[in-house]
Amino acid sequence: MVTQETLSRAARAKEIYDARLKDRLEATDRDRFVAIEPESGDYFLEDTLDAAVDAATRKHPDRITHVIRIGHPAAIYIGGMRS
């Protein structure tokens, strides 16, 4: 279940991404993953979703991070192709 707190953290992380990271990362790191810890503003840039989450968890083990796939509307896609 998604809580209001989780939604609030995700919104803050997206604000940080849009304001501080988007232009630079989309120009240089498209398709990589960035985990953003919204309380500190720390971010962790990695090649895989797991690596981004692991890096964030090592530094902030008790905090929730939000992961963005750079240049994409979602971190992962689930489903098939339409014909």
Protein backbone atom coordinates (compact mmCIF):
# COMPACT_ATOMS: atom_id res chain seq x y z
CA MET A 1 0.00 0.00 0.00
CA VAL A 2 1.29 3.42 -0.92
CA THR A 3 1.07 5.87 1.96
CA GLN A 4 0.78 9.64 1.84
CA GLU A 5 4.30 9.82 3.31
CA THR A 6 5.65 7.72 0.44
CA LEU A 7 3.89 9.90 -2.12
CA SER A 8 5.25 13.02 -0.43
CA ARG A 9 8.82 11.69 -0.51
CA ALA A 10 8.49 10.75 -4.17
CA ALA A 11 7.17 14.22 -5.00
CA ARG A 12 10.08 15.86 -3.16
CA ALA A 13 12.59 13.62 -4.96
CA LYS A 14 11.04 14.56 -8.31
CA GLU A 15 11.31 18.25 -7.38
CA ILE A 16 15.01 17.78 -6.62
CA TYR A 17 15.50 15.94 -9.91
CA ASP A 18 13.70 18.59 -11.95
CA ALA A 19 15.40 21.55 -10.25
CA ARG A 20 18.96 20.30 -9.81
CA LEU A 21 19.68 17.19 -11.85
CA LYS A 22 17.47 16.71 -14.91
CA ASP A 23 19.19 18.94 -17.46
CA ARG A 24 22.69 17.74 -16.65
CA LEU A 25 21.89 14.03 -16.24
CA GLU A 26 19.68 13.78 -19.31
CA ALA A 27 22.50 15.26 -21.38
CA THR A 28 25.18 12.90 -20.05
CA ASP A 29 23.64 9.84 -18.36
CA ARG A 30 20.49 8.85 -20.25
CA ASP A 31 19.22 5.34 -19.42
CA ARG A 32 21.13 5.17 -16.10
CA PHE A 33 19.37 5.22 -12.72
CA VAL A 34 19.47 7.88 -10.03
CA ALA A 35 18.25 7.20 -6.48
CA ILE A 36 17.36 10.41 -4.66
CA GLU A 37 17.08 10.63 -0.87
CA PRO A 38 14.68 13.56 -0.47
CA GLU A 39 15.50 14.62 3.11
CA SER A 40 19.19 15.26 2.44
CA GLY A 41 19.03 15.77 -1.31
CA ASP A 42 21.77 13.18 -1.75
CA TYR A 43 21.64 11.27 -5.01
CA PHE A 44 23.29 8.11 -6.25
CA LEU A 45 23.92 7.59 -9.97
CA GLU A 46 24.37 3.98 -11.14
CA ASP A 47 23.98 1.77 -14.21
CA THR A 48 21.27 -0.45 -12.68
CA LEU A 49 18.26 0.09 -10.47
CA ASP A 50 19.63 -2.35 -7.88
CA ALA A 51 22.98 -0.59 -7.71
CA ALA A 52 21.32 2.82 -7.24
CA VAL A 53 19.13 1.50 -4.43
CA ASP A 54 22.10 -0.28 -2.80
CA ALA A 55 24.24 2.88 -2.88
CA ALA A 56 21.46 4.95 -1.33
CA THR A 57 20.73 2.31 1.31
CA ARG A 58 24.38 2.09 2.34
CA LYS A 59 24.46 5.82 3.12
CA HIS A 60 20.89 6.16 4.43
CA PRO A 61 19.81 2.71 5.70
CA ASP A 62 16.71 4.00 7.50
CA ARG A 63 15.36 6.27 4.77
CA ILE A 64 13.23 5.73 1.70
CA THR A 65 14.70 6.80 -1.64
CA HIS A 66 13.03 7.38 -4.96
CA VAL A 67 14.58 6.00 -8.15
CA ILE A 68 14.29 7.63 -11.56
CA ARG A 69 15.51 6.16 -14.83
CA ILE A 70 17.13 9.10 -16.54
CA GLY A 71 15.29 10.19 -19.66
CA HIS A 72 12.28 7.91 -19.07
CA PRO A 73 8.84 8.43 -17.52
CA ALA A 74 9.21 5.31 -15.33
CA ALA A 75 12.12 3.47 -13.71
CA ILE A 76 10.85 0.12 -15.04
CA TYR A 77 8.25 -1.05 -17.51
CA ILE A 78 6.04 -4.07 -16.90
CA GLY A 79 3.91 -5.56 -19.64
CA GLY A 80 3.95 -6.61 -23.23
CA MET A 81 4.07 -4.87 -26.55
CA ARG A 82 0.93 -3.86 -28.37
CA SER A 83 0.55 -5.11 -31.91
